[in-house]
């Protein structure tokens, strides 16, 4: 489920990016390229409205999917590889108690040869 929603987020993000790039903030973009004598009344305005509605809709879908994916993230995901299992075996086999005496050993006397 997590991977499926992640793929949906990726697809929605790409579509949203494409729709935003098609739009022009000053009324140009795809709507400006479709201007013609007969289509100016119906076609251009409807194209701009469609792009605006599509961008808002995709932004809302992206928000909902992002919130949904946080609820379905696998929490008990553990990867056990060869190195990790060796380390865990060593950690489990160790004595986890700290030594009581932290003092350095007494200095050894030097033996003088005659």
C-alpha atoms as a PDB file:
ATOM      1  CA  UNK A   1       0.000   0.000   0.000  1.00  0.00           C
ATOM      2  CA  UNK A   2       2.852   2.347   0.886  1.00  0.00           C
ATOM      3  CA  UNK A   3       4.588   1.812  -2.451  1.00  0.00           C
ATOM      4  CA  UNK A   4       1.316   2.242  -4.374  1.00  0.00           C
ATOM      5  CA  UNK A   5       0.597   5.593  -2.701  1.00  0.00           C
ATOM      6  CA  UNK A   6       4.202   6.680  -3.229  1.00  0.00           C
ATOM      7  CA  UNK A   7       3.878   5.965  -6.959  1.00  0.00           C
ATOM      8  CA  UNK A   8       0.616   7.945  -7.025  1.00  0.00           C
ATOM      9  CA  UNK A   9       2.363  10.872  -5.315  1.00  0.00           C
ATOM     10  CA  UNK A  10       5.108  10.762  -7.918  1.00  0.00           C
ATOM     11  CA  UNK A  11       2.613  10.677 -10.802  1.00  0.00           C
ATOM     12  CA  UNK A  12       0.521  13.526  -9.371  1.00  0.00           C
ATOM     13  CA  UNK A  13       3.667  15.595  -8.781  1.00  0.00           C
ATOM     14  CA  UNK A  14       4.794  15.154 -12.390  1.00  0.00           C
ATOM     15  CA  UNK A  15       1.331  16.039 -13.719  1.00  0.00           C
ATOM     16  CA  UNK A  16       1.123  19.084 -11.458  1.00  0.00           C
ATOM     17  CA  UNK A  17       4.536  20.239 -12.617  1.00  0.00           C
ATOM     18  CA  UNK A  18       3.563  19.861 -16.263  1.00  0.00           C
ATOM     19  CA  UNK A  19       0.289  21.728 -15.810  1.00  0.00           C
ATOM     20  CA  UNK A  20       2.013  24.555 -13.956  1.00  0.00           C
ATOM     21  CA  UNK A  21       4.648  24.818 -16.684  1.00  0.00           C
ATOM     22  CA  UNK A  22       1.954  24.991 -19.392  1.00  0.00           C
ATOM     23  CA  UNK A  23       0.323  27.972 -17.692  1.00  0.00           C
ATOM     24  CA  UNK A  24       1.614  31.483 -18.093  1.00  0.00           C
ATOM     25  CA  UNK A  25       0.965  33.900 -15.215  1.00  0.00           C
ATOM     26  CA  UNK A  26       0.073  36.730 -17.618  1.00  0.00           C
ATOM     27  CA  UNK A  27      -2.615  34.870 -19.521  1.00  0.00           C
ATOM     28  CA  UNK A  28      -0.363  33.318 -22.157  1.00  0.00           C
ATOM     29  CA  UNK A  29       0.833  29.751 -22.164  1.00  0.00           C
ATOM     30  CA  UNK A  30      -1.363  27.124 -23.729  1.00  0.00           C
ATOM     31  CA  UNK A  31      -4.314  29.481 -23.709  1.00  0.00           C
ATOM     32  CA  UNK A  32      -2.421  32.071 -25.802  1.00  0.00           C
ATOM     33  CA  UNK A  33      -1.371  29.478 -28.380  1.00  0.00           C
ATOM     34  CA  UNK A  34      -4.954  28.448 -29.044  1.00  0.00           C
ATOM     35  CA  UNK A  35      -6.207  31.928 -29.904  1.00  0.00           C
ATOM     36  CA  UNK A  36      -8.034  32.049 -33.170  1.00  0.00           C
ATOM     37  CA  UNK A  37     -10.821  34.023 -34.672  1.00  0.00           C
ATOM     38  CA  UNK A  38     -13.564  31.591 -33.708  1.00  0.00           C
ATOM     39  CA  UNK A  39     -12.089  30.041 -30.577  1.00  0.00           C
ATOM     40  CA  UNK A  40     -11.391  33.145 -28.552  1.00  0.00           C
ATOM     41  CA  UNK A  41     -14.848  33.262 -27.051  1.00  0.00           C
ATOM     42  CA  UNK A  42     -15.156  29.629 -26.007  1.00  0.00           C
ATOM     43  CA  UNK A  43     -11.842  27.757 -26.353  1.00  0.00           C
ATOM     44  CA  UNK A  44      -9.210  29.961 -24.717  1.00  0.00           C
ATOM     45  CA  UNK A  45     -11.107  30.908 -21.622  1.00  0.00           C
ATOM     46  CA  UNK A  46     -12.226  27.333 -21.040  1.00  0.00           C
ATOM     47  CA  UNK A  47      -8.652  26.094 -21.491  1.00  0.00           C
ATOM     48  CA  UNK A  48      -7.371  28.551 -18.885  1.00  0.00           C
ATOM     49  CA  UNK A  49     -10.198  27.578 -16.523  1.00  0.00           C
ATOM     50  CA  UNK A  50      -9.437  23.896 -17.045  1.00  0.00           C
ATOM     51  CA  UNK A  51      -5.727  24.384 -16.330  1.00  0.00           C
ATOM     52  CA  UNK A  52      -6.467  26.367 -13.187  1.00  0.00           C
ATOM     53  CA  UNK A  53      -8.998  23.812 -11.919  1.00  0.00           C
ATOM     54  CA  UNK A  54      -6.648  20.954 -12.779  1.00  0.00           C
ATOM     55  CA  UNK A  55      -3.748  22.536 -10.910  1.00  0.00           C
ATOM     56  CA  UNK A  56      -5.880  23.166  -7.809  1.00  0.00           C
ATOM     57  CA  UNK A  57      -7.317  19.662  -7.964  1.00  0.00           C
ATOM     58  CA  UNK A  58      -3.890  18.037  -8.320  1.00  0.00           C
ATOM     59  CA  UNK A  59      -2.516  20.150  -5.471  1.00  0.00           C
ATOM     60  CA  UNK A  60      -5.351  18.997  -3.204  1.00  0.00           C
ATOM     61  CA  UNK A  61      -4.889  15.362  -4.289  1.00  0.00           C
ATOM     62  CA  UNK A  62      -1.147  15.674  -3.579  1.00  0.00           C
ATOM     63  CA  UNK A  63      -1.879  17.029  -0.106  1.00  0.00           C
ATOM     64  CA  UNK A  64      -4.340  14.231   0.657  1.00  0.00           C
ATOM     65  CA  UNK A  65      -1.960  11.549  -0.638  1.00  0.00           C
ATOM     66  CA  UNK A  66       0.912  12.993   1.391  1.00  0.00           C
ATOM     67  CA  UNK A  67      -1.167  12.889   4.560  1.00  0.00           C
ATOM     68  CA  UNK A  68      -2.391   9.380   3.738  1.00  0.00           C
ATOM     69  CA  UNK A  69       1.094   7.998   3.144  1.00  0.00           C
ATOM     70  CA  UNK A  70       2.153   9.059   6.642  1.00  0.00           C
ATOM     71  CA  UNK A  71      -0.565   6.827   8.062  1.00  0.00           C
ATOM     72  CA  UNK A  72       0.450   3.734   6.091  1.00  0.00           C
ATOM     73  CA  UNK A  73       4.237   3.915   6.509  1.00  0.00           C
ATOM     74  CA  UNK A  74       5.469   0.509   7.664  1.00  0.00           C
ATOM     75  CA  UNK A  75       6.710   1.059  11.205  1.00  0.00           C
ATOM     76  CA  UNK A  76       8.183  -2.382  11.934  1.00  0.00           C
ATOM     77  CA  UNK A  77      10.429  -2.482   8.897  1.00  0.00           C
ATOM     78  CA  UNK A  78      13.751  -4.179   9.747  1.00  0.00           C
ATOM     79  CA  UNK A  79      16.456  -5.000   7.240  1.00  0.00           C
ATOM     80  CA  UNK A  80      18.689  -7.806   8.387  1.00  0.00           C
ATOM     81  CA  UNK A  81      21.770  -8.169   6.259  1.00  0.00           C
ATOM     82  CA  UNK A  82      24.890 -10.226   6.779  1.00  0.00           C
ATOM     83  CA  UNK A  83      26.796  -7.400   8.470  1.00  0.00           C
ATOM     84  CA  UNK A  84      23.925  -6.348  10.678  1.00  0.00           C
ATOM     85  CA  UNK A  85      23.255  -9.880  11.864  1.00  0.00           C
ATOM     86  CA  UNK A  86      26.950 -10.391  12.732  1.00  0.00           C
ATOM     87  CA  UNK A  87      26.994  -7.147  14.691  1.00  0.00           C
ATOM     88  CA  UNK A  88      23.762  -8.031  16.474  1.00  0.00           C
ATOM     89  CA  UNK A  89      25.206 -11.459  17.407  1.00  0.00           C
ATOM     90  CA  UNK A  90      28.272  -9.796  18.883  1.00  0.00           C
ATOM     91  CA  UNK A  91      26.209  -7.241  20.785  1.00  0.00           C
ATOM     92  CA  UNK A  92      23.893  -9.922  22.136  1.00  0.00           C
ATOM     93  CA  UNK A  93      26.859 -12.067  23.215  1.00  0.00           C
ATOM     94  CA  UNK A  94      28.609  -9.252  25.082  1.00  0.00           C
ATOM     95  CA  UNK A  95      28.439  -8.716  28.779  1.00  0.00           C
ATOM     96  CA  UNK A  96      26.767  -5.333  28.985  1.00  0.00           C
ATOM     97  CA  UNK A  97      27.830  -4.563  32.539  1.00  0.00           C
ATOM     98  CA  UNK A  98      30.451  -1.904  33.079  1.00  0.00           C
ATOM     99  CA  UNK A  99      33.595  -2.776  35.032  1.00  0.00           C
ATOM    100  CA  UNK A 100      33.566  -1.684  38.646  1.00  0.00           C
ATOM    101  CA  UNK A 101      37.203  -0.642  38.982  1.00  0.00           C
ATOM    102  CA  UNK A 102      38.262   2.111  36.612  1.00  0.00           C
ATOM    103  CA  UNK A 103      41.694   2.610  38.192  1.00  0.00           C
ATOM    104  CA  UNK A 104      44.850   2.131  36.226  1.00  0.00           C
ATOM    105  CA  UNK A 105      47.036  -0.805  37.243  1.00  0.00           C
ATOM    106  CA  UNK A 106      49.866   0.075  39.628  1.00  0.00           C
ATOM    107  CA  UNK A 107      53.218   0.794  37.976  1.00  0.00           C
ATOM    108  CA  UNK A 108      55.602  -2.136  37.908  1.00  0.00           C
ATOM    109  CA  UNK A 109      58.957  -1.806  39.576  1.00  0.00           C
ATOM    110  CA  UNK A 110      61.905  -1.834  37.306  1.00  0.00           C
ATOM    111  CA  UNK A 111      64.379  -4.614  37.985  1.00  0.00           C
ATOM    112  CA  UNK A 112      67.985  -3.464  37.785  1.00  0.00           C
ATOM    113  CA  UNK A 113      70.491  -5.954  36.520  1.00  0.00           C
ATOM    114  CA  UNK A 114      73.921  -6.010  38.120  1.00  0.00           C
END
